[in-house]
């Protein structure tokens, strides 16, 4: 969709904490090729909390990893059977929560 938009020259940018990015990369299998930002690309831009500050002060965000690939590669990796979690993992997680209640 965004490839057809005249003003979308750098694709989509997903900003997230580093642990979220790392989990996504594990799920995607870690075999994505890196590209320059362009229409049809997806850039992951990570941030982490800065150093601790005194109470009442605003804690800074520190830029971390940036990785750009294509939406096509992400879609393929996300649906690849080799990258899927084990069968029943969602049922087990739901049941574990229900058992806690």
PDB file of N, CA and C in Angstrom:
ATOM      1  N   UNK A   1       0.821  -1.181   0.000  1.00  0.00           N
ATOM      2  CA  UNK A   1       0.000   0.000   0.000  1.00  0.00           C
ATOM      3  C   UNK A   1       0.874   1.258   0.000  1.00  0.00           C
ATOM      4  N   UNK A   2       1.873   1.307   0.876  1.00  0.00           N
ATOM      5  CA  UNK A   2       2.666   2.530   0.977  1.00  0.00           C
ATOM      6  C   UNK A   2       3.580   2.753  -0.220  1.00  0.00           C
ATOM      7  N   UNK A   3       3.903   1.724  -0.952  1.00  0.00           N
ATOM      8  CA  UNK A   3       4.750   1.886  -2.129  1.00  0.00           C
ATOM      9  C   UNK A   3       4.089   2.763  -3.174  1.00  0.00           C
ATOM     10  N   UNK A   4       2.779   2.816  -3.144  1.00  0.00           N
ATOM     11  CA  UNK A   4       2.041   3.603  -4.129  1.00  0.00           C
ATOM     12  C   UNK A   4       1.878   5.061  -3.709  1.00  0.00           C
ATOM     13  N   UNK A   5       2.219   5.390  -2.479  1.00  0.00           N
ATOM     14  CA  UNK A   5       2.056   6.752  -1.983  1.00  0.00           C
ATOM     15  C   UNK A   5       3.273   7.600  -2.336  1.00  0.00           C
ATOM     16  N   UNK A   6       3.034   8.707  -2.991  1.00  0.00           N
ATOM     17  CA  UNK A   6       4.100   9.582  -3.465  1.00  0.00           C
ATOM     18  C   UNK A   6       4.988  10.096  -2.327  1.00  0.00           C
ATOM     19  N   UNK A   7       4.373  10.412  -1.202  1.00  0.00           N
ATOM     20  CA  UNK A   7       5.138  10.984  -0.096  1.00  0.00           C
ATOM     21  C   UNK A   7       5.807   9.950   0.810  1.00  0.00           C
ATOM     22  N   UNK A   8       5.522   8.694   0.608  1.00  0.00           N
ATOM     23  CA  UNK A   8       6.140   7.650   1.432  1.00  0.00           C
ATOM     24  C   UNK A   8       7.423   7.189   0.746  1.00  0.00           C
ATOM     25  N   UNK A   9       8.498   7.873   1.040  1.00  0.00           N
ATOM     26  CA  UNK A   9       9.785   7.572   0.390  1.00  0.00           C
ATOM     27  C   UNK A   9      10.710   6.728   1.252  1.00  0.00           C
ATOM     28  N   UNK A  10      10.356   6.582   2.537  1.00  0.00           N
ATOM     29  CA  UNK A  10      11.244   5.855   3.448  1.00  0.00           C
ATOM     30  C   UNK A  10      10.568   4.682   4.131  1.00  0.00           C
ATOM     31  N   UNK A  11       9.396   4.281   3.660  1.00  0.00           N
ATOM     32  CA  UNK A  11       8.716   3.130   4.235  1.00  0.00           C
ATOM     33  C   UNK A  11       8.127   3.417   5.600  1.00  0.00           C
ATOM     34  N   UNK A  12       7.915   2.353   6.349  1.00  0.00           N
ATOM     35  CA  UNK A  12       7.356   2.470   7.696  1.00  0.00           C
ATOM     36  C   UNK A  12       8.473   2.369   8.725  1.00  0.00           C
ATOM     37  N   UNK A  13       8.266   3.049   9.844  1.00  0.00           N
ATOM     38  CA  UNK A  13       9.240   3.008  10.931  1.00  0.00           C
ATOM     39  C   UNK A  13       8.524   2.514  12.178  1.00  0.00           C
ATOM     40  N   UNK A  14       9.053   1.451  12.775  1.00  0.00           N
ATOM     41  CA  UNK A  14       8.495   0.877  13.985  1.00  0.00           C
ATOM     42  C   UNK A  14       9.449   1.210  15.123  1.00  0.00           C
ATOM     43  N   UNK A  15       8.999   2.045  16.053  1.00  0.00           N
ATOM     44  CA  UNK A  15       9.828   2.472  17.179  1.00  0.00           C
ATOM     45  C   UNK A  15       9.438   1.645  18.393  1.00  0.00           C
ATOM     46  N   UNK A  16      10.431   1.021  19.014  1.00  0.00           N
ATOM     47  CA  UNK A  16      10.123   0.127  20.131  1.00  0.00           C
ATOM     48  C   UNK A  16      11.312   0.021  21.085  1.00  0.00           C
ATOM     49  N   UNK A  17      11.059  -0.455  22.305  1.00  0.00           N
ATOM     50  CA  UNK A  17      12.166  -0.733  23.229  1.00  0.00           C
ATOM     51  C   UNK A  17      13.023  -1.883  22.683  1.00  0.00           C
ATOM     52  N   UNK A  18      14.295  -1.880  23.015  1.00  0.00           N
ATOM     53  CA  UNK A  18      15.210  -2.912  22.529  1.00  0.00           C
ATOM     54  C   UNK A  18      14.728  -4.331  22.833  1.00  0.00           C
ATOM     55  N   UNK A  19      14.203  -4.642  24.039  1.00  0.00           N
ATOM     56  CA  UNK A  19      13.736  -6.017  24.278  1.00  0.00           C
ATOM     57  C   UNK A  19      12.612  -6.444  23.329  1.00  0.00           C
ATOM     58  N   UNK A  20      11.748  -5.522  22.944  1.00  0.00           N
ATOM     59  CA  UNK A  20      10.675  -5.848  21.996  1.00  0.00           C
ATOM     60  C   UNK A  20      11.283  -6.166  20.636  1.00  0.00           C
ATOM     61  N   UNK A  21      12.230  -5.346  20.190  1.00  0.00           N
ATOM     62  CA  UNK A  21      12.919  -5.588  18.912  1.00  0.00           C
ATOM     63  C   UNK A  21      13.604  -6.954  18.919  1.00  0.00           C
ATOM     64  N   UNK A  22      14.299  -7.259  20.003  1.00  0.00           N
ATOM     65  CA  UNK A  22      15.010  -8.536  20.080  1.00  0.00           C
ATOM     66  C   UNK A  22      14.040  -9.713  19.996  1.00  0.00           C
ATOM     67  N   UNK A  23      12.896  -9.595  20.642  1.00  0.00           N
ATOM     68  CA  UNK A  23      11.892 -10.667  20.607  1.00  0.00           C
ATOM     69  C   UNK A  23      11.327 -10.823  19.199  1.00  0.00           C
ATOM     70  N   UNK A  24      11.087  -9.709  18.525  1.00  0.00           N
ATOM     71  CA  UNK A  24      10.592  -9.751  17.142  1.00  0.00           C
ATOM     72  C   UNK A  24      11.612 -10.442  16.245  1.00  0.00           C
ATOM     73  N   UNK A  25      12.878 -10.106  16.400  1.00  0.00           N
ATOM     74  CA  UNK A  25      13.916 -10.706  15.557  1.00  0.00           C
ATOM     75  C   UNK A  25      14.024 -12.208  15.795  1.00  0.00           C
ATOM     76  N   UNK A  26      13.867 -12.642  17.049  1.00  0.00           N
ATOM     77  CA  UNK A  26      13.866 -14.090  17.333  1.00  0.00           C
ATOM     78  C   UNK A  26      12.700 -14.737  16.603  1.00  0.00           C
ATOM     79  N   UNK A  27      11.530 -14.109  16.681  1.00  0.00           N
ATOM     80  CA  UNK A  27      10.323 -14.656  16.032  1.00  0.00           C
ATOM     81  C   UNK A  27      10.475 -14.705  14.519  1.00  0.00           C
ATOM     82  N   UNK A  28      11.163 -13.714  13.948  1.00  0.00           N
ATOM     83  CA  UNK A  28      11.343 -13.658  12.497  1.00  0.00           C
ATOM     84  C   UNK A  28      12.491 -14.530  12.007  1.00  0.00           C
ATOM     85  N   UNK A  29      13.232 -15.124  12.908  1.00  0.00           N
ATOM     86  CA  UNK A  29      14.269 -16.067  12.517  1.00  0.00           C
ATOM     87  C   UNK A  29      15.652 -15.474  12.331  1.00  0.00           C
ATOM     88  N   UNK A  30      15.792 -14.162  12.358  1.00  0.00           N
ATOM     89  CA  UNK A  30      17.112 -13.533  12.282  1.00  0.00           C
ATOM     90  C   UNK A  30      17.819 -13.648  10.946  1.00  0.00           C
ATOM     91  N   UNK A  31      17.110 -13.985   9.866  1.00  0.00           N
ATOM     92  CA  UNK A  31      17.747 -14.143   8.558  1.00  0.00           C
ATOM     93  C   UNK A  31      17.293 -13.090   7.553  1.00  0.00           C
ATOM     94  N   UNK A  32      16.961 -11.921   8.018  1.00  0.00           N
ATOM     95  CA  UNK A  32      16.489 -10.860   7.125  1.00  0.00           C
ATOM     96  C   UNK A  32      17.669 -10.104   6.530  1.00  0.00           C
ATOM     97  N   UNK A  33      17.546  -9.731   5.273  1.00  0.00           N
ATOM     98  CA  UNK A  33      18.568  -8.902   4.636  1.00  0.00           C
ATOM     99  C   UNK A  33      18.327  -7.442   4.997  1.00  0.00           C
ATOM    100  N   UNK A  34      19.401  -6.688   5.128  1.00  0.00           N
ATOM    101  CA  UNK A  34      19.286  -5.263   5.447  1.00  0.00           C
ATOM    102  C   UNK A  34      19.210  -4.452   4.155  1.00  0.00           C
ATOM    103  N   UNK A  35      18.347  -3.452   4.144  1.00  0.00           N
ATOM    104  CA  UNK A  35      18.134  -2.573   2.996  1.00  0.00           C
ATOM    105  C   UNK A  35      18.247  -1.129   3.432  1.00  0.00           C
ATOM    106  N   UNK A  36      18.368  -0.243   2.466  1.00  0.00           N
ATOM    107  CA  UNK A  36      18.250   1.187   2.719  1.00  0.00           C
ATOM    108  C   UNK A  36      16.772   1.530   2.883  1.00  0.00           C
ATOM    109  N   UNK A  37      16.483   2.617   3.578  1.00  0.00           N
ATOM    110  CA  UNK A  37      15.092   3.052   3.711  1.00  0.00           C
ATOM    111  C   UNK A  37      14.565   3.418   2.331  1.00  0.00           C
ATOM    112  N   UNK A  38      13.357   2.932   2.013  1.00  0.00           N
ATOM    113  CA  UNK A  38      12.749   3.129   0.701  1.00  0.00           C
ATOM    114  C   UNK A  38      11.277   2.785   0.794  1.00  0.00           C
ATOM    115  N   UNK A  39      10.483   3.126  -0.220  1.00  0.00           N
ATOM    116  CA  UNK A  39       9.093   2.677  -0.194  1.00  0.00           C
ATOM    117  C   UNK A  39       9.070   1.149  -0.094  1.00  0.00           C
ATOM    118  N   UNK A  40       8.218   0.624   0.752  1.00  0.00           N
ATOM    119  CA  UNK A  40       8.144  -0.833   0.923  1.00  0.00           C
ATOM    120  C   UNK A  40       9.110  -1.370   1.957  1.00  0.00           C
ATOM    121  N   UNK A  41       9.845  -0.480   2.633  1.00  0.00           N
ATOM    122  CA  UNK A  41      10.758  -0.956   3.670  1.00  0.00           C
ATOM    123  C   UNK A  41      10.115  -0.802   5.043  1.00  0.00           C
ATOM    124  N   UNK A  42      10.669  -1.532   6.002  1.00  0.00           N
ATOM    125  CA  UNK A  42      10.246  -1.447   7.388  1.00  0.00           C
ATOM    126  C   UNK A  42      11.498  -1.256   8.222  1.00  0.00           C
ATOM    127  N   UNK A  43      11.552  -0.151   8.935  1.00  0.00           N
ATOM    128  CA  UNK A  43      12.706   0.151   9.773  1.00  0.00           C
ATOM    129  C   UNK A  43      12.330  -0.025  11.231  1.00  0.00           C
ATOM    130  N   UNK A  44      13.114  -0.801  11.934  1.00  0.00           N
ATOM    131  CA  UNK A  44      12.968  -0.963  13.379  1.00  0.00           C
ATOM    132  C   UNK A  44      13.957  -0.002  14.023  1.00  0.00           C
ATOM    133  N   UNK A  45      13.464   0.889  14.845  1.00  0.00           N
ATOM    134  CA  UNK A  45      14.324   1.849  15.549  1.00  0.00           C
ATOM    135  C   UNK A  45      14.114   1.634  17.045  1.00  0.00           C
ATOM    136  N   UNK A  46      15.188   1.257  17.728  1.00  0.00           N
ATOM    137  CA  UNK A  46      15.096   0.897  19.144  1.00  0.00           C
ATOM    138  C   UNK A  46      15.545   2.031  20.051  1.00  0.00           C
ATOM    139  N   UNK A  47      14.906   2.094  21.202  1.00  0.00           N
ATOM    140  CA  UNK A  47      15.276   3.055  22.242  1.00  0.00           C
ATOM    141  C   UNK A  47      15.305   2.345  23.575  1.00  0.00           C
ATOM    142  N   UNK A  48      16.139   2.845  24.457  1.00  0.00           N
ATOM    143  CA  UNK A  48      16.242   2.312  25.812  1.00  0.00           C
ATOM    144  C   UNK A  48      16.180   3.469  26.799  1.00  0.00           C
ATOM    145  N   UNK A  49      15.799   3.178  28.048  1.00  0.00           N
ATOM    146  CA  UNK A  49      15.812   4.239  29.056  1.00  0.00           C
ATOM    147  C   UNK A  49      17.240   4.691  29.318  1.00  0.00           C
ATOM    148  N   UNK A  50      17.415   5.979  29.495  1.00  0.00           N
ATOM    149  CA  UNK A  50      18.734   6.526  29.813  1.00  0.00           C
ATOM    150  C   UNK A  50      19.086   6.272  31.271  1.00  0.00           C
ATOM    151  N   UNK A  51      20.146   6.914  31.726  1.00  0.00           N
ATOM    152  CA  UNK A  51      20.578   6.729  33.119  1.00  0.00           C
ATOM    153  C   UNK A  51      19.479   7.142  34.095  1.00  0.00           C
ATOM    154  N   UNK A  52      19.505   6.527  35.267  1.00  0.00           N
ATOM    155  CA  UNK A  52      18.538   6.858  36.311  1.00  0.00           C
ATOM    156  C   UNK A  52      18.665   8.334  36.683  1.00  0.00           C
ATOM    157  N   UNK A  53      17.538   8.928  37.050  1.00  0.00           N
ATOM    158  CA  UNK A  53      17.511  10.338  37.446  1.00  0.00           C
ATOM    159  C   UNK A  53      16.846  10.465  38.809  1.00  0.00           C
ATOM    160  N   UNK A  54      16.965  11.622  39.394  1.00  0.00           N
ATOM    161  CA  UNK A  54      16.342  11.861  40.691  1.00  0.00           C
ATOM    162  C   UNK A  54      14.825  11.856  40.545  1.00  0.00           C
ATOM    163  N   UNK A  55      14.162  11.532  41.626  1.00  0.00           N
ATOM    164  CA  UNK A  55      12.703  11.500  41.643  1.00  0.00           C
ATOM    165  C   UNK A  55      12.146  12.844  41.174  1.00  0.00           C
ATOM    166  N   UNK A  56      11.157  12.778  40.293  1.00  0.00           N
ATOM    167  CA  UNK A  56      10.526  13.986  39.769  1.00  0.00           C
ATOM    168  C   UNK A  56      11.140  14.477  38.471  1.00  0.00           C
ATOM    169  N   UNK A  57      12.292  13.942  38.102  1.00  0.00           N
ATOM    170  CA  UNK A  57      12.948  14.337  36.860  1.00  0.00           C
ATOM    171  C   UNK A  57      12.514  13.412  35.725  1.00  0.00           C
ATOM    172  N   UNK A  58      12.668  13.866  34.504  1.00  0.00           N
ATOM    173  CA  UNK A  58      12.297  13.060  33.343  1.00  0.00           C
ATOM    174  C   UNK A  58      13.507  12.270  32.871  1.00  0.00           C
ATOM    175  N   UNK A  59      13.303  10.986  32.747  1.00  0.00           N
ATOM    176  CA  UNK A  59      14.383  10.100  32.295  1.00  0.00           C
ATOM    177  C   UNK A  59      14.472  10.160  30.778  1.00  0.00           C
ATOM    178  N   UNK A  60      15.659  10.308  30.257  1.00  0.00           N
ATOM    179  CA  UNK A  60      15.872  10.406  28.806  1.00  0.00           C
ATOM    180  C   UNK A  60      15.752   9.044  28.142  1.00  0.00           C
ATOM    181  N   UNK A  61      15.489   9.079  26.845  1.00  0.00           N
ATOM    182  CA  UNK A  61      15.557   7.873  26.030  1.00  0.00           C
ATOM    183  C   UNK A  61      16.852   7.920  25.232  1.00  0.00           C
ATOM    184  N   UNK A  62      17.478   6.770  25.097  1.00  0.00           N
ATOM    185  CA  UNK A  62      18.740   6.659  24.370  1.00  0.00           C
ATOM    186  C   UNK A  62      18.503   5.809  23.126  1.00  0.00           C
ATOM    187  N   UNK A  63      18.878   6.336  21.983  1.00  0.00           N
ATOM    188  CA  UNK A  63      18.726   5.588  20.735  1.00  0.00           C
ATOM    189  C   UNK A  63      19.617   4.359  20.722  1.00  0.00           C
ATOM    190  N   UNK A  64      19.088   3.295  20.154  1.00  0.00           N
ATOM    191  CA  UNK A  64      19.840   2.045  20.073  1.00  0.00           C
ATOM    192  C   UNK A  64      19.926   1.576  18.633  1.00  0.00           C
ATOM    193  N   UNK A  65      19.699   0.309  18.427  1.00  0.00           N
ATOM    194  CA  UNK A  65      19.793  -0.324  17.117  1.00  0.00           C
ATOM    195  C   UNK A  65      18.787   0.246  16.126  1.00  0.00           C
ATOM    196  N   UNK A  66      19.201   0.316  14.880  1.00  0.00           N
ATOM    197  CA  UNK A  66      18.268   0.595  13.786  1.00  0.00           C
ATOM    198  C   UNK A  66      18.540  -0.423  12.690  1.00  0.00           C
ATOM    199  N   UNK A  67      17.467  -1.062  12.231  1.00  0.00           N
ATOM    200  CA  UNK A  67      17.590  -2.091  11.206  1.00  0.00           C
ATOM    201  C   UNK A  67      16.456  -1.905  10.207  1.00  0.00           C
ATOM    202  N   UNK A  68      16.808  -1.862   8.921  1.00  0.00           N
ATOM    203  CA  UNK A  68      15.815  -1.695   7.863  1.00  0.00           C
ATOM    204  C   UNK A  68      15.827  -2.900   6.947  1.00  0.00           C
ATOM    205  N   UNK A  69      14.647  -3.424   6.682  1.00  0.00           N
ATOM    206  CA  UNK A  69      14.467  -4.534   5.761  1.00  0.00           C
ATOM    207  C   UNK A  69      13.223  -4.225   4.929  1.00  0.00           C
ATOM    208  N   UNK A  70      12.711  -5.209   4.214  1.00  0.00           N
ATOM    209  CA  UNK A  70      11.509  -4.961   3.424  1.00  0.00           C
ATOM    210  C   UNK A  70      10.283  -5.566   4.108  1.00  0.00           C
ATOM    211  N   UNK A  71       9.142  -4.979   3.839  1.00  0.00           N
ATOM    212  CA  UNK A  71       7.884  -5.505   4.365  1.00  0.00           C
ATOM    213  C   UNK A  71       7.676  -6.929   3.870  1.00  0.00           C
ATOM    214  N   UNK A  72       8.070  -7.207   2.627  1.00  0.00           N
ATOM    215  CA  UNK A  72       7.915  -8.553   2.064  1.00  0.00           C
ATOM    216  C   UNK A  72       8.697  -9.589   2.859  1.00  0.00           C
ATOM    217  N   UNK A  73       9.943  -9.266   3.222  1.00  0.00           N
ATOM    218  CA  UNK A  73      10.748 -10.210   3.988  1.00  0.00           C
ATOM    219  C   UNK A  73      10.150 -10.464   5.363  1.00  0.00           C
ATOM    220  N   UNK A  74       9.659  -9.415   5.995  1.00  0.00           N
ATOM    221  CA  UNK A  74       9.046  -9.569   7.317  1.00  0.00           C
ATOM    222  C   UNK A  74       7.802 -10.443   7.213  1.00  0.00           C
ATOM    223  N   UNK A  75       6.966 -10.197   6.213  1.00  0.00           N
ATOM    224  CA  UNK A  75       5.740 -10.989   6.039  1.00  0.00           C
ATOM    225  C   UNK A  75       6.071 -12.456   5.809  1.00  0.00           C
ATOM    226  N   UNK A  76       7.049 -12.728   4.970  1.00  0.00           N
ATOM    227  CA  UNK A  76       7.440 -14.113   4.691  1.00  0.00           C
ATOM    228  C   UNK A  76       8.005 -14.782   5.940  1.00  0.00           C
ATOM    229  N   UNK A  77       8.884 -14.078   6.648  1.00  0.00           N
ATOM    230  CA  UNK A  77       9.486 -14.655   7.854  1.00  0.00           C
ATOM    231  C   UNK A  77       8.444 -14.868   8.941  1.00  0.00           C
ATOM    232  N   UNK A  78       7.496 -13.948   9.041  1.00  0.00           N
ATOM    233  CA  UNK A  78       6.482 -14.048  10.088  1.00  0.00           C
ATOM    234  C   UNK A  78       5.555 -15.239   9.885  1.00  0.00           C
ATOM    235  N   UNK A  79       5.347 -15.628   8.646  1.00  0.00           N
ATOM    236  CA  UNK A  79       4.434 -16.745   8.372  1.00  0.00           C
ATOM    237  C   UNK A  79       5.154 -18.055   8.080  1.00  0.00           C
ATOM    238  N   UNK A  80       6.483 -18.041   8.095  1.00  0.00           N
ATOM    239  CA  UNK A  80       7.247 -19.255   7.807  1.00  0.00           C
ATOM    240  C   UNK A  80       7.048 -20.282   8.919  1.00  0.00           C
ATOM    241  N   UNK A  81       6.701 -21.510   8.562  1.00  0.00           N
ATOM    242  CA  UNK A  81       6.473 -22.540   9.582  1.00  0.00           C
ATOM    243  C   UNK A  81       7.673 -22.778  10.491  1.00  0.00           C
ATOM    244  N   UNK A  82       8.882 -22.589   9.989  1.00  0.00           N
ATOM    245  CA  UNK A  82      10.065 -22.848  10.810  1.00  0.00           C
ATOM    246  C   UNK A  82      10.213 -21.837  11.937  1.00  0.00           C
ATOM    247  N   UNK A  83       9.543 -20.688  11.826  1.00  0.00           N
ATOM    248  CA  UNK A  83       9.653 -19.661  12.853  1.00  0.00           C
ATOM    249  C   UNK A  83       8.462 -19.635  13.807  1.00  0.00           C
ATOM    250  N   UNK A  84       7.521 -20.556  13.630  1.00  0.00           N
ATOM    251  CA  UNK A  84       6.324 -20.554  14.468  1.00  0.00           C
ATOM    252  C   UNK A  84       6.632 -21.132  15.846  1.00  0.00           C
ATOM    253  N   UNK A  85       5.937 -20.631  16.872  1.00  0.00           N
ATOM    254  CA  UNK A  85       6.115 -21.236  18.199  1.00  0.00           C
ATOM    255  C   UNK A  85       5.552 -22.659  18.206  1.00  0.00           C
ATOM    256  N   UNK A  86       5.890 -23.455  19.196  1.00  0.00           N
ATOM    257  CA  UNK A  86       5.393 -24.834  19.257  1.00  0.00           C
ATOM    258  C   UNK A  86       3.858 -24.880  19.299  1.00  0.00           C
ATOM    259  N   UNK A  87       3.298 -25.936  18.770  1.00  0.00           N
ATOM    260  CA  UNK A  87       1.847 -26.118  18.808  1.00  0.00           C
ATOM    261  C   UNK A  87       1.372 -26.139  20.250  1.00  0.00           C
ATOM    262  N   UNK A  88       0.267 -25.461  20.508  1.00  0.00           N
ATOM    263  CA  UNK A  88      -0.322 -25.448  21.838  1.00  0.00           C
ATOM    264  C   UNK A  88       0.235 -24.410  22.782  1.00  0.00           C
ATOM    265  N   UNK A  89       1.182 -23.605  22.333  1.00  0.00           N
ATOM    266  CA  UNK A  89       1.813 -22.633  23.227  1.00  0.00           C
ATOM    267  C   UNK A  89       0.808 -21.598  23.730  1.00  0.00           C
ATOM    268  N   UNK A  90      -0.113 -21.164  22.872  1.00  0.00           N
ATOM    269  CA  UNK A  90      -1.104 -20.177  23.293  1.00  0.00           C
ATOM    270  C   UNK A  90      -2.105 -20.796  24.264  1.00  0.00           C
ATOM    271  N   UNK A  91      -2.530 -22.028  23.977  1.00  0.00           N
ATOM    272  CA  UNK A  91      -3.449 -22.719  24.871  1.00  0.00           C
ATOM    273  C   UNK A  91      -2.811 -22.884  26.250  1.00  0.00           C
ATOM    274  N   UNK A  92      -1.554 -23.250  26.279  1.00  0.00           N
ATOM    275  CA  UNK A  92      -0.856 -23.435  27.558  1.00  0.00           C
ATOM    276  C   UNK A  92      -0.769 -22.126  28.345  1.00  0.00           C
ATOM    277  N   UNK A  93      -0.467 -21.026  27.655  1.00  0.00           N
ATOM    278  CA  UNK A  93      -0.362 -19.734  28.316  1.00  0.00           C
ATOM    279  C   UNK A  93      -1.713 -19.281  28.878  1.00  0.00           C
ATOM    280  N   UNK A  94      -2.759 -19.470  28.088  1.00  0.00           N
ATOM    281  CA  UNK A  94      -4.103 -19.105  28.532  1.00  0.00           C
ATOM    282  C   UNK A  94      -4.519 -19.971  29.715  1.00  0.00           C
ATOM    283  N   UNK A  95      -4.283 -21.265  29.621  1.00  0.00           N
ATOM    284  CA  UNK A  95      -4.659 -22.171  30.700  1.00  0.00           C
ATOM    285  C   UNK A  95      -3.892 -21.837  31.971  1.00  0.00           C
ATOM    286  N   UNK A  96      -2.616 -21.504  31.868  1.00  0.00           N
ATOM    287  CA  UNK A  96      -1.821 -21.148  33.038  1.00  0.00           C
ATOM    288  C   UNK A  96      -2.416 -19.926  33.738  1.00  0.00           C
ATOM    289  N   UNK A  97      -2.868 -18.966  32.979  1.00  0.00           N
ATOM    290  CA  UNK A  97      -3.484 -17.766  33.562  1.00  0.00           C
ATOM    291  C   UNK A  97      -4.822 -18.107  34.207  1.00  0.00           C
ATOM    292  N   UNK A  98      -5.605 -18.949  33.552  1.00  0.00           N
ATOM    293  CA  UNK A  98      -6.895 -19.347  34.119  1.00  0.00           C
ATOM    294  C   UNK A  98      -6.712 -20.131  35.420  1.00  0.00           C
ATOM    295  N   UNK A  99      -5.665 -20.940  35.479  1.00  0.00           N
ATOM    296  CA  UNK A  99      -5.397 -21.727  36.676  1.00  0.00           C
ATOM    297  C   UNK A  99      -4.980 -20.846  37.857  1.00  0.00           C
ATOM    298  N   UNK A 100      -4.450 -19.676  37.565  1.00  0.00           N
ATOM    299  CA  UNK A 100      -4.032 -18.745  38.637  1.00  0.00           C
ATOM    300  C   UNK A 100      -5.231 -18.090  39.309  1.00  0.00           C
ATOM    301  N   UNK A 101      -6.347 -18.032  38.604  1.00  0.00           N
ATOM    302  CA  UNK A 101      -7.531 -17.326  39.133  1.00  0.00           C
ATOM    303  C   UNK A 101      -8.268 -18.163  40.142  1.00  0.00           C
TER     304      UNK A 101
END
